[in-house]
C-alpha atoms as a PDB file:
ATOM      1  CA  MET A   1      23.102 -27.408 -13.890  1.00  0.00           C
ATOM      2  CA  THR A   2      22.107 -28.029 -10.583  1.00  0.00           C
ATOM      3  CA  HIS A   3      19.245 -29.223  -9.512  1.00  0.00           C
ATOM      4  CA  PHE A   4      17.408 -25.851  -9.782  1.00  0.00           C
ATOM      5  CA  LYS A   5      13.685 -26.331  -9.916  1.00  0.00           C
ATOM      6  CA  PRO A   6      11.923 -23.230 -10.482  1.00  0.00           C
ATOM      7  CA  TYR A   7       9.438 -21.970  -7.997  1.00  0.00           C
ATOM      8  CA  ALA A   8       9.829 -24.533  -5.816  1.00  0.00           C
ATOM      9  CA  ASN A   9      11.446 -22.930  -2.653  1.00  0.00           C
ATOM     10  CA  GLU A  10      12.449 -19.294  -1.523  1.00  0.00           C
ATOM     11  CA  SER A  11      16.318 -20.240  -1.565  1.00  0.00           C
ATOM     12  CA  ASP A  12      18.048 -21.572  -4.207  1.00  0.00           C
ATOM     13  CA  VAL A  13      20.406 -19.282  -6.380  1.00  0.00           C
ATOM     14  CA  ILE A  14      22.038 -20.355  -9.380  1.00  0.00           C
ATOM     15  CA  HIS A  15      24.884 -18.700 -11.801  1.00  0.00           C
ATOM     16  CA  ILE A  16      24.898 -18.639 -15.450  1.00  0.00           C
ATOM     17  CA  GLY A  17      27.978 -16.568 -16.353  1.00  0.00           C
ATOM     18  CA  GLY A  18      27.298 -13.339 -14.264  1.00  0.00           C
ATOM     19  CA  LEU A  19      23.710 -13.641 -14.296  1.00  0.00           C
ATOM     20  CA  GLU A  20      22.252 -14.778 -10.956  1.00  0.00           C
ATOM     21  CA  ILE A  21      19.251 -16.850 -11.018  1.00  0.00           C
ATOM     22  CA  GLU A  22      17.078 -16.094  -7.636  1.00  0.00           C
ATOM     23  CA  ASN A  23      14.322 -18.905  -7.048  1.00  0.00           C
ATOM     24  CA  ARG A  24      11.253 -17.893  -5.383  1.00  0.00           C
ATOM     25  CA  THR A  25       7.596 -19.223  -4.872  1.00  0.00           C
ATOM     26  CA  ASP A  26       6.500 -16.568  -6.938  1.00  0.00           C
ATOM     27  CA  ARG A  27       8.673 -15.527  -9.342  1.00  0.00           C
ATOM     28  CA  LEU A  28      12.460 -15.800 -10.766  1.00  0.00           C
ATOM     29  CA  SER A  29      14.799 -12.795 -10.156  1.00  0.00           C
ATOM     30  CA  LEU A  30      17.358 -12.539 -13.124  1.00  0.00           C
ATOM     31  CA  THR A  31      20.384  -9.812 -12.402  1.00  0.00           C
ATOM     32  CA  GLY A  32      23.408  -9.160 -13.428  1.00  0.00           C
ATOM     33  CA  ASP A  33      24.472 -10.046 -17.370  1.00  0.00           C
ATOM     34  CA  VAL A  34      25.739 -12.881 -19.175  1.00  0.00           C
ATOM     35  CA  VAL A  35      28.108 -12.644 -21.971  1.00  0.00           C
ATOM     36  CA  LEU A  36      27.217 -15.186 -24.862  1.00  0.00           C
ATOM     37  CA  THR A  37      30.645 -14.861 -26.665  1.00  0.00           C
ATOM     38  CA  ARG A  38      31.002 -16.461 -30.215  1.00  0.00           C
ATOM     39  CA  ASP A  39      33.183 -19.472 -29.143  1.00  0.00           C
ATOM     40  CA  GLN A  40      32.914 -22.778 -27.746  1.00  0.00           C
ATOM     41  CA  ALA A  41      32.179 -20.843 -23.896  1.00  0.00           C
ATOM     42  CA  GLY A  42      29.752 -18.626 -25.670  1.00  0.00           C
ATOM     43  CA  LEU A  43      27.687 -21.789 -26.738  1.00  0.00           C
ATOM     44  CA  ALA A  44      28.174 -23.261 -23.518  1.00  0.00           C
ATOM     45  CA  LEU A  45      26.225 -20.613 -21.691  1.00  0.00           C
ATOM     46  CA  ALA A  46      23.618 -20.250 -24.426  1.00  0.00           C
ATOM     47  CA  LYS A  47      22.874 -23.747 -23.836  1.00  0.00           C
ATOM     48  CA  GLU A  48      22.845 -23.799 -19.986  1.00  0.00           C
ATOM     49  CA  LEU A  49      20.638 -20.632 -20.405  1.00  0.00           C
ATOM     50  CA  LYS A  50      18.320 -22.202 -22.578  1.00  0.00           C
ATOM     51  CA  ALA A  51      18.038 -25.129 -20.533  1.00  0.00           C
ATOM     52  CA  LEU A  52      16.699 -22.719 -17.666  1.00  0.00           C
ATOM     53  CA  LEU A  53      14.250 -20.921 -19.637  1.00  0.00           C
ATOM     54  CA  ASP A  54      12.804 -24.624 -21.081  1.00  0.00           C
ATOM     55  CA  GLN A  55      12.499 -25.792 -17.892  1.00  0.00           C
ATOM     56  CA  VAL A  56      10.471 -22.765 -16.683  1.00  0.00           C
ATOM     57  CA  VAL A  57       8.327 -22.536 -19.868  1.00  0.00           C
ATOM     58  CA  SER A  58       7.591 -25.999 -19.626  1.00  0.00           C
ATOM     59  CA  GLY A  59       6.658 -25.524 -15.891  1.00  0.00           C
ATOM     60  CA  LEU A  60       4.227 -22.540 -16.453  1.00  0.00           C
ATOM     61  CA  GLU A  61       2.447 -24.226 -19.404  1.00  0.00           C
ATOM     62  CA  ALA A  62       1.945 -27.664 -17.000  1.00  0.00           C
ATOM     63  CA  GLU A  63       0.076 -25.317 -14.929  1.00  0.00           C
ATOM     64  CA  GLN A  64      -2.318 -23.673 -16.644  1.00  0.00           C
ATOM     65  CA  PRO A  65      -4.769 -21.753 -16.001  1.00  0.00           C
ATOM     66  CA  LEU A  66      -2.249 -20.014 -14.870  1.00  0.00           C
ATOM     67  CA  PRO A  67      -3.212 -16.705 -13.321  1.00  0.00           C
ATOM     68  CA  LYS A  68      -3.522 -13.616 -15.548  1.00  0.00           C
ATOM     69  CA  LYS A  69      -0.879 -11.907 -12.592  1.00  0.00           C
ATOM     70  CA  VAL A  70       0.596 -13.170  -9.375  1.00  0.00           C
ATOM     71  CA  THR A  71       0.418 -10.532  -6.619  1.00  0.00           C
ATOM     72  CA  LEU A  72       3.916 -10.618  -5.537  1.00  0.00           C
ATOM     73  CA  LYS A  73       4.917 -11.644  -2.174  1.00  0.00           C
ATOM     74  CA  PRO A  74       6.906  -9.119  -0.239  1.00  0.00           C
ATOM     75  CA  VAL A  75      10.481  -9.208   0.057  1.00  0.00           C
ATOM     76  CA  GLN A  76      10.806 -10.528   4.029  1.00  0.00           C
ATOM     77  CA  ILE A  77      13.976  -9.244   6.158  1.00  0.00           C
ATOM     78  CA  VAL A  78      15.311 -11.241   8.613  1.00  0.00           C
ATOM     79  CA  LYS A  79      17.964 -10.313  11.565  1.00  0.00           C
ATOM     80  CA  ASN A  80      21.864 -10.998  10.831  1.00  0.00           C
ATOM     81  CA  PRO A  81      22.518 -14.113  12.789  1.00  0.00           C
ATOM     82  CA  PHE A  82      26.066 -12.614  12.234  1.00  0.00           C
ATOM     83  CA  SER A  83      25.762  -9.787  13.846  1.00  0.00           C
END
């Protein structure tokens, strides 16, 4: 896995199989899917996913006390610089 730090910024995106993990300062968005086959490839994907989730849980546990519920920031739409 790359140097992905959960909740660190509004720009990092990583992929685990067909799963896309988008970083935000107030949330992580997971979209897509990942197929964990019963083979070496499935094991590698499972370990990568577990490493990410372990990192998320550790980071959240370190930020005690956490609010009961965070107010999500609205998505900001910017003008396409290539249009």
